[in-house]
Amino acid sequence: METGEKAVKTTFVPSTFLKKTGTVILALLILTAFCTYITYTGYAEKYSVFLNGPVAPGPQNEIKDLLHGLKHVSSIQRSALPRSSHFISDISDNNPSSRFYSVWSEETTQIARKTTQEDRKKILVWNPWPTISMLGRRACPSMPQCEFTKDRREVADANAVIFWFATIPHVYNSSWFPQSRPADQHWIMRTPDCPHFTRNHDWKSYGGVFNRTMTYRNDSDIYMPWGHITQLYEEIARKPDTLGRHYPKQKDKIVIWYVSNCYKHLTRFAYANELMKYIQVDVFGGCGADYCGLGPGGRDCFTNHLRQYKFYLAFENFKCVEYITEKFWLNGLKRDAVPVVLGAPRRDYERFAPPNSFIHVDDFKSPRALASYLLYLSKHDDKYMQYFAWKTNPPKNLPPYKGAWCEVCKKLVQVNPKERKVYNDIDKWWRGENYEFCEPVVMLDGIRRKELAVHYP
């Protein structure tokens, strides 16, 4: 009996345990199936909070591109990017971002090129963007030793190849790029946009591909800002009767805002909506009233329209480090309206813009406080005009800058022929080690949908 009782107990306990365990497993399977259903059918509204982090789901055609590109990730030709232990001095000590790229010196025999003069440089634009349809051979007149081309047949003779990031594969695909690559040929990643605009690209897959960067950020190999203080003052000197003068303002026209990206979850709309409770803001463009249209005279109409107002809302799409676009340089400063800025930190505007030329929203504890200040300035012309004193008082020792094309040429001429550089982790160089270079934004699928748009009557 004793043995039998033990036998009964040893068979009874596992049976109960299995029943309970089976119930739990069944519940987990049901939950997993339900989650899978939501994920693949879109039952729940999908969204992603972008911290400039890994690639997030996009439209179906983008996902197909991504999956197609994954087949080619392993084919990155890193053999074309030799490594060496002979690093060039102290770059890593001066630049925190240097841990994301490698720089070294290499003793190599220079590849013979068709050009006989050693100081002549050829730059090929591999995938041209729309605004350079008429790219001239001498795009930088002040440096005639540099020749620019869009003809891919000249790639073997190019000292540098520029790739516009907007139209390269979302995931690295070696077949899209030049099939041969001299060791001393510079591959340049170019983008004027901030990391949020490039969020659909898998930057990780481009580790070890590019040698140089060409962006709006000051730590890029080739500096390409949306505007530059030196060029601004040079243009004012050439056109004192238009850019150098101050235009009379209409009494009832205080704040104007042209805005076309109407996605409602952008930070600027929450701020603008609160600001409008305390001051009249006239809104035009895709998110407001149509005024100038897209006809032949649209640009002049736009310029004359802005000049009637005292303030222009230069609110960026995204708040990113050093991201200061044409909204500030062109729409505000060049069109004689004081830019009210929301975007990059104040210190960035102070570093790059003319002194006392803007009003930053961060200087005010609330949109209401900002509105009060704008109304105060609109009633006190002497205080308002202080924001235009910069036009006749250029800073001393302005940095030389002739434009992005000349910056490319200057880099190629000045770089040590023995220097090699490659971005091992361009993802973190571009977005930040902890994806901190831009403020997070909630991005829903189909951001162009009408129900996700803001429109002002």
Protein backbone atom coordinates (compact mmCIF):
# COMPACT_ATOMS: atom_id res chain seq x y z
CA MET A 1 0.00 0.00 0.00
CA GLU A 2 2.75 2.38 0.88
CA THR A 3 4.36 1.87 -2.49
CA GLY A 4 0.98 2.22 -4.18
CA GLU A 5 0.19 5.47 -2.39
CA LYS A 6 3.52 6.90 -3.49
CA ALA A 7 2.85 5.76 -7.00
CA VAL A 8 -0.54 7.49 -7.01
CA LYS A 9 0.97 10.72 -5.76
CA THR A 10 3.81 10.74 -8.30
CA THR A 11 1.42 10.32 -11.21
CA PHE A 12 -1.22 12.75 -9.92
CA VAL A 13 1.04 15.80 -9.41
CA PRO A 14 2.48 15.96 -12.93
CA SER A 15 -0.98 15.60 -14.41
CA THR A 16 -2.25 18.67 -12.56
CA PHE A 17 0.88 20.60 -13.45
CA LEU A 18 0.55 19.74 -17.12
CA LYS A 19 -3.05 20.88 -17.19
CA LYS A 20 -2.13 24.26 -15.70
CA THR A 21 0.91 24.61 -17.92
CA GLY A 22 -1.12 23.73 -20.99
CA THR A 23 -3.62 26.44 -20.16
CA VAL A 24 -0.87 29.03 -19.85
CA ILE A 25 0.77 27.94 -23.10
CA LEU A 26 -2.58 28.06 -24.92
CA ALA A 27 -3.21 31.58 -23.63
CA LEU A 28 0.24 32.69 -24.77
CA LEU A 29 -0.34 31.21 -28.23
CA ILE A 30 -3.65 33.05 -28.55
CA LEU A 31 -2.02 36.33 -27.44
CA THR A 32 0.85 35.85 -29.91
CA ALA A 33 -1.57 35.17 -32.75
CA PHE A 34 -3.58 38.28 -31.86
CA CYS A 35 -0.48 40.49 -31.79
CA THR A 36 0.65 39.07 -35.12
CA TYR A 37 -2.75 39.83 -36.59
CA ILE A 38 -2.56 43.43 -35.43
CA THR A 39 0.94 43.85 -36.78
CA TYR A 40 0.27 42.53 -40.27
CA THR A 41 -3.28 43.74 -40.84
CA GLY A 42 -2.97 47.25 -39.43
CA TYR A 43 -5.95 46.64 -37.11
CA ALA A 44 -4.45 49.10 -34.66
CA GLU A 45 -3.16 52.41 -35.95
CA LYS A 46 0.55 51.99 -36.44
CA TYR A 47 2.92 54.68 -35.33
CA SER A 48 6.57 55.15 -34.61
CA VAL A 49 8.32 57.59 -32.31
CA PHE A 50 11.48 58.58 -34.12
CA LEU A 51 14.49 59.19 -31.96
CA ASN A 52 16.56 59.14 -35.14
CA GLY A 53 16.80 55.46 -34.33
CA PRO A 54 16.51 52.34 -36.44
CA VAL A 55 14.52 52.36 -39.64
CA ALA A 56 10.79 52.43 -39.02
CA PRO A 57 7.99 50.98 -41.16
CA GLY A 58 7.13 53.04 -44.20
CA PRO A 59 4.85 52.61 -47.22
CA GLN A 60 4.70 49.16 -48.75
CA ASN A 61 6.91 50.05 -51.71
CA GLU A 62 9.61 51.27 -49.31
CA ILE A 63 9.43 48.02 -47.36
CA LYS A 64 9.88 46.06 -50.62
CA ASP A 65 12.96 48.17 -51.39
CA LEU A 66 14.28 47.48 -47.92
CA LEU A 67 13.80 43.72 -48.19
CA HIS A 68 15.34 43.68 -51.64
CA GLY A 69 18.35 45.62 -50.40
CA LEU A 70 18.92 43.25 -47.50
CA LYS A 71 20.05 40.62 -49.99
CA HIS A 72 22.98 42.83 -50.87
CA VAL A 73 24.12 44.01 -47.46
CA SER A 74 26.82 41.37 -47.24
CA SER A 75 28.29 42.53 -50.54
CA ILE A 76 29.66 45.82 -49.19
CA GLN A 77 33.09 46.02 -50.73
CA ARG A 78 35.09 46.87 -47.65
CA SER A 79 38.22 45.58 -49.39
CA ALA A 80 38.16 48.84 -51.32
CA LEU A 81 38.57 50.68 -48.02
CA PRO A 82 41.90 49.48 -46.59
CA ARG A 83 42.55 49.87 -42.88
CA SER A 84 45.83 50.92 -41.34
CA SER A 85 47.21 51.48 -37.85
CA HIS A 86 49.01 54.67 -38.92
CA PHE A 87 46.39 57.18 -37.78
CA ILE A 88 46.78 60.87 -38.42
CA SER A 89 47.33 62.83 -35.19
CA ASP A 90 44.91 64.00 -32.53
CA ILE A 91 41.68 64.17 -34.55
CA SER A 92 39.95 61.92 -32.02
CA ASP A 93 41.02 64.21 -29.19
CA ASN A 94 39.42 67.29 -30.73
CA ASN A 95 36.23 65.89 -32.21
CA PRO A 96 33.93 63.61 -30.16
CA SER A 97 32.33 62.29 -33.36
CA SER A 98 35.67 60.97 -34.58
CA ARG A 99 35.02 57.61 -32.92
CA PHE A 100 32.55 56.94 -35.71
CA TYR A 101 35.15 57.20 -38.47
CA SER A 102 38.76 56.19 -39.05
CA VAL A 103 41.55 58.32 -40.46
CA TRP A 104 44.96 56.99 -41.38
CA SER A 105 47.97 57.64 -43.56
CA GLU A 106 48.80 55.28 -46.36
CA GLU A 107 51.85 55.06 -48.59
CA THR A 108 50.44 54.32 -52.03
CA THR A 109 51.38 55.08 -55.59
CA GLN A 110 48.96 57.61 -56.98
CA ILE A 111 46.79 56.20 -59.74
CA ALA A 112 47.55 57.79 -63.10
CA ARG A 113 44.67 59.91 -64.35
CA LYS A 114 43.99 61.39 -67.73
CA THR A 115 44.61 64.89 -66.41
CA THR A 116 48.31 65.67 -66.56
CA GLN A 117 48.33 68.45 -63.98
CA GLU A 118 48.58 67.03 -60.49
CA ASP A 119 46.56 69.82 -58.87
CA ARG A 120 43.55 69.43 -61.17
CA LYS A 121 40.54 67.73 -59.64
CA LYS A 122 37.48 66.14 -61.21
CA ILE A 123 34.24 65.80 -59.24
CA LEU A 124 31.44 63.54 -60.47
CA VAL A 125 27.86 63.93 -59.26
CA TRP A 126 26.57 60.35 -59.44
CA ASN A 127 22.86 60.98 -58.92
CA PRO A 128 22.08 64.66 -59.62
CA TRP A 129 19.34 66.45 -57.74
CA PRO A 130 16.79 68.58 -59.64
CA THR A 131 18.37 71.98 -58.96
CA ILE A 132 21.65 71.12 -60.71
CA SER A 133 20.20 70.27 -64.11
CA MET A 134 22.54 72.90 -65.57
CA LEU A 135 25.69 72.00 -63.61
CA GLY A 136 28.65 73.63 -65.33
CA ARG A 137 32.14 72.26 -65.63
CA ARG A 138 33.37 75.28 -63.67
CA ALA A 139 30.83 75.31 -60.87
CA CYS A 140 33.39 77.08 -58.66
CA PRO A 141 34.78 79.91 -60.81
CA SER A 142 37.27 80.99 -58.14
CA MET A 143 38.96 77.57 -58.29
CA PRO A 144 39.31 76.74 -62.00
CA GLN A 145 41.46 73.69 -61.22
CA CYS A 146 38.27 71.82 -60.31
CA GLU A 147 36.04 70.32 -62.97
CA PHE A 148 32.50 69.10 -62.29
CA THR A 149 30.52 66.58 -64.30
CA LYS A 150 27.37 64.46 -64.23
CA ASP A 151 28.66 61.99 -66.83
CA ARG A 152 29.07 58.60 -65.14
CA ARG A 153 31.39 57.49 -67.90
CA GLU A 154 34.04 59.70 -66.31
CA VAL A 155 33.94 57.92 -62.95
CA ALA A 156 37.33 56.24 -63.38
CA ASP A 157 39.02 59.63 -63.68
CA ALA A 158 37.11 61.31 -60.85
CA ASN A 159 38.92 62.37 -57.69
CA ALA A 160 35.59 62.45 -55.87
CA VAL A 161 32.08 61.10 -56.40
CA ILE A 162 29.12 62.85 -54.77
CA PHE A 163 26.05 60.80 -53.84
CA TRP A 164 22.78 62.59 -53.09
CA PHE A 165 21.37 60.57 -50.22
CA ALA A 166 17.71 61.12 -51.11
CA THR A 167 17.83 58.80 -54.11
CA ILE A 168 20.36 56.14 -53.14
CA PRO A 169 19.00 52.68 -52.15
CA HIS A 170 17.35 52.55 -48.74
CA VAL A 171 19.70 49.70 -47.90
CA TYR A 172 23.21 49.54 -49.35
CA ASN A 173 23.27 47.78 -52.70
CA SER A 174 26.70 47.49 -54.33
CA SER A 175 25.24 47.15 -57.83
CA TRP A 176 23.88 50.71 -57.68
CA PHE A 177 27.29 52.25 -57.00
CA PRO A 178 30.38 52.47 -59.24
CA GLN A 179 31.78 49.01 -59.78
CA SER A 180 35.42 50.09 -59.51
CA ARG A 181 36.86 52.30 -56.83
CA PRO A 182 40.42 53.66 -56.75
CA ALA A 183 41.87 53.75 -53.25
CA ASP A 184 42.31 57.53 -53.36
CA GLN A 185 38.84 58.33 -54.74
CA HIS A 186 36.61 60.15 -52.25
CA TRP A 187 33.01 58.98 -51.97
CA ILE A 188 30.97 61.86 -50.56
CA MET A 189 27.58 61.49 -48.86
CA ARG A 190 25.53 64.64 -49.53
CA THR A 191 22.28 65.64 -47.86
CA PRO A 192 20.87 69.09 -47.08
CA ASP A 193 18.12 67.56 -44.95
CA CYS A 194 18.05 66.64 -41.29
CA PRO A 195 18.01 63.04 -39.93
CA HIS A 196 14.20 62.90 -39.72
CA PHE A 197 13.97 63.37 -43.49
CA THR A 198 16.38 60.47 -44.04
CA ARG A 199 14.65 58.16 -41.56
CA ASN A 200 13.68 55.55 -44.18
CA HIS A 201 17.31 54.76 -44.99
CA ASP A 202 19.19 52.05 -43.16
CA TRP A 203 22.27 54.04 -42.23
CA LYS A 204 23.83 51.04 -40.52
CA SER A 205 24.17 49.29 -43.86
CA TYR A 206 26.26 52.20 -45.14
CA GLY A 207 29.03 51.73 -42.58
CA GLY A 208 32.37 51.63 -44.37
CA VAL A 209 31.01 53.09 -47.63
CA PHE A 210 31.59 56.86 -47.51
CA ASN A 211 34.85 58.75 -47.06
CA ARG A 212 33.44 62.26 -46.68
CA THR A 213 30.24 63.96 -45.57
CA MET A 214 28.60 67.01 -47.12
CA THR A 215 25.79 68.38 -44.93
CA TYR A 216 24.56 71.49 -43.13
CA ARG A 217 26.44 70.47 -40.00
CA ASN A 218 29.60 72.38 -39.20
CA ASP A 219 31.54 69.18 -38.41
CA SER A 220 30.97 67.77 -41.91
CA ASP A 221 34.00 67.27 -44.11
CA ILE A 222 32.38 69.65 -46.58
CA TYR A 223 30.24 72.38 -45.03
CA MET A 224 27.00 72.97 -46.93
CA PRO A 225 24.69 75.26 -44.92
CA TRP A 226 21.37 76.54 -46.21
CA GLY A 227 22.75 80.04 -45.85
CA HIS A 228 26.01 81.65 -44.81
CA ILE A 229 26.71 84.96 -43.10
CA THR A 230 29.58 85.82 -45.45
CA GLN A 231 27.53 85.25 -48.60
CA LEU A 232 24.69 87.27 -47.08
CA TYR A 233 26.86 90.34 -46.50
CA GLU A 234 28.47 89.99 -49.91
CA GLU A 235 25.04 89.95 -51.54
CA ILE A 236 23.95 93.01 -49.58
CA ALA A 237 27.08 94.81 -50.79
CA ARG A 238 26.19 93.94 -54.39
CA LYS A 239 22.52 94.91 -54.01
CA PRO A 240 22.35 97.74 -51.47
CA ASP A 241 19.19 99.19 -53.02
CA THR A 242 17.21 95.99 -52.55
CA LEU A 243 18.72 93.75 -49.87
CA GLY A 244 20.37 96.59 -47.99
CA ARG A 245 17.35 98.81 -47.56
CA HIS A 246 14.43 98.62 -45.17
CA TYR A 247 10.92 98.39 -46.59
CA PRO A 248 7.96 100.19 -45.01
CA LYS A 249 5.52 97.89 -43.25
CA GLN A 250 1.74 98.02 -43.37
CA LYS A 251 0.24 98.87 -40.03
CA ASP A 252 -2.15 95.92 -39.81
CA LYS A 253 0.34 93.31 -41.04
CA ILE A 254 2.46 92.12 -38.14
CA VAL A 255 3.19 88.37 -38.42
CA ILE A 256 3.21 86.22 -41.55
CA TRP A 257 3.84 82.50 -41.98
CA TYR A 258 4.26 80.56 -45.21
CA VAL A 259 4.08 76.83 -44.45
CA SER A 260 3.64 73.81 -46.70
CA ASN A 261 4.35 70.70 -44.59
CA CYS A 262 1.05 70.45 -42.71
CA TYR A 263 1.64 67.28 -40.66
CA LYS A 264 -0.13 68.13 -37.41
CA HIS A 265 2.24 66.39 -35.00
CA LEU A 266 5.17 68.65 -35.81
CA THR A 267 6.21 70.70 -32.79
CA ARG A 268 5.76 73.99 -34.60
CA PHE A 269 1.98 73.60 -34.96
CA ALA A 270 1.35 73.19 -31.26
CA TYR A 271 3.39 76.33 -30.60
CA ALA A 272 1.83 78.32 -33.44
CA ASN A 273 -1.72 77.41 -32.42
CA GLU A 274 -1.08 78.75 -28.93
CA LEU A 275 0.64 81.86 -30.29
CA MET A 276 -2.38 82.64 -32.49
CA LYS A 277 -4.58 83.02 -29.41
CA TYR A 278 -2.75 86.24 -28.54
CA ILE A 279 -1.65 87.76 -31.86
CA GLN A 280 -2.87 87.74 -35.45
CA VAL A 281 -0.79 85.43 -37.66
CA ASP A 282 -1.57 85.44 -41.39
CA VAL A 283 -0.91 81.94 -42.79
CA PHE A 284 -0.28 81.20 -46.47
CA GLY A 285 0.98 78.31 -48.57
CA GLY A 286 -0.10 74.69 -48.48
CA CYS A 287 -1.43 74.97 -44.93
CA GLY A 288 -3.12 78.33 -45.37
CA ALA A 289 -4.48 80.70 -47.98
CA ASP A 290 -3.17 80.74 -51.54
CA TYR A 291 -1.63 84.10 -52.35
CA CYS A 292 1.10 84.04 -55.00
CA GLY A 293 0.56 80.73 -56.71
CA LEU A 294 3.22 78.89 -58.72
CA GLY A 295 3.19 81.02 -61.87
CA PRO A 296 6.12 82.90 -63.48
CA GLY A 297 5.75 85.88 -61.16
CA GLY A 298 5.39 83.79 -58.03
CA ARG A 299 8.84 84.54 -56.60
CA ASP A 300 8.51 88.32 -56.92
CA CYS A 301 5.00 88.14 -55.49
CA PHE A 302 6.29 86.11 -52.56
CA THR A 303 9.12 88.58 -51.89
CA ASN A 304 6.86 91.64 -52.05
CA HIS A 305 4.29 89.93 -49.86
CA LEU A 306 6.75 89.13 -47.06
CA ARG A 307 8.21 92.64 -47.12
CA GLN A 308 4.85 94.05 -46.04
CA TYR A 309 5.10 92.30 -42.66
CA LYS A 310 7.25 93.00 -39.61
CA PHE A 311 7.84 89.40 -38.52
CA TYR A 312 8.15 86.05 -40.27
CA LEU A 313 7.68 82.74 -38.47
CA ALA A 314 10.80 80.80 -39.46
CA PHE A 315 9.56 77.61 -37.80
CA GLU A 316 11.53 74.57 -38.94
CA ASN A 317 9.88 71.22 -39.68
CA PHE A 318 12.09 69.57 -37.08
CA LYS A 319 14.19 70.72 -34.14
CA CYS A 320 17.71 69.47 -34.91
CA VAL A 321 21.18 70.65 -34.01
CA GLU A 322 22.44 73.32 -36.47
CA TYR A 323 19.48 72.75 -38.78
CA ILE A 324 18.72 76.31 -39.99
CA THR A 325 17.12 76.41 -43.42
CA GLU A 326 15.94 78.87 -46.08
CA LYS A 327 13.05 79.78 -43.80
CA PHE A 328 15.52 81.84 -41.81
CA TRP A 329 18.10 82.92 -44.39
CA LEU A 330 15.89 83.59 -47.40
CA ASN A 331 12.33 84.12 -46.20
CA GLY A 332 13.34 86.16 -43.18
CA LEU A 333 16.68 87.95 -43.48
CA LYS A 334 16.73 88.51 -47.24
CA ARG A 335 13.11 89.62 -47.39
CA ASP A 336 13.37 92.25 -44.69
CA ALA A 337 11.21 90.59 -42.02
CA VAL A 338 12.52 89.80 -38.56
CA PRO A 339 12.63 85.99 -38.31
CA VAL A 340 10.96 84.48 -35.27
CA VAL A 341 12.74 81.15 -35.05
CA LEU A 342 11.83 77.70 -33.74
CA GLY A 343 14.19 74.86 -34.51
CA ALA A 344 17.86 74.62 -33.63
CA PRO A 345 19.02 75.78 -30.18
CA ARG A 346 19.61 79.51 -29.75
CA ARG A 347 23.37 79.00 -29.50
CA ASP A 348 23.41 77.66 -33.07
CA TYR A 349 21.74 80.79 -34.42
CA GLU A 350 24.17 82.91 -32.43
CA ARG A 351 27.12 81.06 -33.99
CA PHE A 352 25.99 81.29 -37.61
CA ALA A 353 23.63 84.26 -38.00
CA PRO A 354 24.23 88.03 -38.02
CA PRO A 355 24.13 89.46 -34.49
CA ASN A 356 20.74 90.50 -33.13
CA SER A 357 18.97 89.52 -36.34
CA PHE A 358 16.34 87.13 -34.96
CA ILE A 359 13.94 86.39 -32.11
CA HIS A 360 14.11 82.86 -30.65
CA VAL A 361 11.02 81.29 -29.08
CA ASP A 362 13.18 79.76 -26.34
CA ASP A 363 13.75 83.23 -24.90
CA PHE A 364 10.12 83.36 -23.76
CA LYS A 365 8.41 81.34 -21.09
CA SER A 366 5.30 80.88 -23.24
CA PRO A 367 3.81 81.72 -26.67
CA ARG A 368 1.73 84.34 -24.90
CA ALA A 369 4.88 86.08 -23.66
CA LEU A 370 6.31 86.01 -27.19
CA ALA A 371 3.10 87.52 -28.58
CA SER A 372 3.29 90.34 -26.05
CA TYR A 373 6.85 91.12 -27.09
CA LEU A 374 6.01 91.14 -30.81
CA LEU A 375 3.09 93.51 -30.19
CA TYR A 376 5.39 95.74 -28.14
CA LEU A 377 7.95 95.91 -30.96
CA SER A 378 5.27 96.60 -33.54
CA LYS A 379 4.32 99.75 -31.60
CA HIS A 380 7.88 100.95 -30.94
CA ASP A 381 9.73 101.45 -34.21
CA ASP A 382 13.01 102.39 -32.53
CA LYS A 383 13.13 99.02 -30.74
CA TYR A 384 11.97 97.15 -33.81
CA MET A 385 14.61 98.73 -36.06
CA GLN A 386 17.38 97.47 -33.80
CA TYR A 387 16.83 94.05 -35.43
CA PHE A 388 18.07 95.50 -38.75
CA ALA A 389 21.25 97.17 -37.48
CA TRP A 390 23.21 94.08 -38.61
CA LYS A 391 22.75 95.03 -42.26
CA THR A 392 25.15 97.98 -42.02
CA ASN A 393 27.47 96.53 -39.37
CA PRO A 394 29.09 93.33 -40.65
CA PRO A 395 31.27 91.48 -38.14
CA LYS A 396 35.00 91.74 -38.56
CA ASN A 397 36.93 88.82 -40.00
CA LEU A 398 34.04 87.05 -41.71
CA PRO A 399 34.99 83.46 -42.54
CA PRO A 400 35.70 82.84 -46.23
CA TYR A 401 32.90 80.94 -47.94
CA LYS A 402 32.14 80.73 -51.67
CA GLY A 403 29.52 78.00 -51.64
CA ALA A 404 29.31 74.23 -51.41
CA TRP A 405 30.94 73.51 -54.79
CA CYS A 406 33.98 75.53 -53.82
CA GLU A 407 34.09 73.77 -50.46
CA VAL A 408 34.29 70.43 -52.28
CA CYS A 409 37.13 71.70 -54.42
CA LYS A 410 38.96 73.21 -51.45
CA LYS A 411 38.77 69.93 -49.55
CA LEU A 412 40.24 67.96 -52.45
CA VAL A 413 43.02 70.47 -53.01
CA GLN A 414 43.96 70.75 -49.34
CA VAL A 415 43.71 67.12 -48.25
CA ASN A 416 46.93 65.19 -47.79
CA PRO A 417 47.27 62.71 -50.71
CA LYS A 418 48.27 60.04 -48.19
CA GLU A 419 45.23 60.58 -45.99
CA ARG A 420 42.51 57.95 -45.98
CA LYS A 421 39.21 58.26 -44.15
CA VAL A 422 36.12 56.09 -43.84
CA TYR A 423 32.92 56.38 -41.79
CA ASN A 424 32.67 53.06 -39.98
CA ASP A 425 29.41 54.05 -38.23
CA ILE A 426 27.83 56.81 -40.25
CA ASP A 427 24.51 56.08 -38.57
CA LYS A 428 25.67 57.37 -35.21
CA TRP A 429 27.75 60.15 -36.72
CA TRP A 430 24.63 61.44 -38.46
CA ARG A 431 21.94 60.82 -35.83
CA GLY A 432 24.00 60.95 -32.64
CA GLU A 433 25.37 58.19 -30.47
CA ASN A 434 22.07 58.07 -28.57
CA TYR A 435 20.03 59.55 -31.44
CA GLU A 436 20.07 62.91 -29.68
CA PHE A 437 20.73 65.30 -32.57
CA CYS A 438 17.02 65.86 -33.22
CA GLU A 439 14.01 66.21 -30.95
CA PRO A 440 11.80 63.09 -31.11
CA VAL A 441 8.69 63.32 -33.29
CA VAL A 442 5.69 61.03 -33.56
CA MET A 443 5.40 59.94 -37.18
CA LEU A 444 2.21 58.15 -38.22
CA ASP A 445 1.90 56.15 -41.41
CA GLY A 446 0.70 58.24 -44.34
CA ILE A 447 1.63 61.64 -42.94
CA ARG A 448 0.26 63.32 -46.09
CA ARG A 449 -3.27 62.14 -45.34
CA LYS A 450 -5.82 64.95 -45.01
CA GLU A 451 -6.92 63.85 -41.56
CA LEU A 452 -3.35 64.32 -40.32
CA ALA A 453 -2.99 67.80 -41.80
CA VAL A 454 -3.38 71.21 -40.25
CA HIS A 455 -5.07 73.89 -42.36
CA TYR A 456 -5.71 77.50 -41.44
CA PRO A 457 -8.62 79.34 -43.08
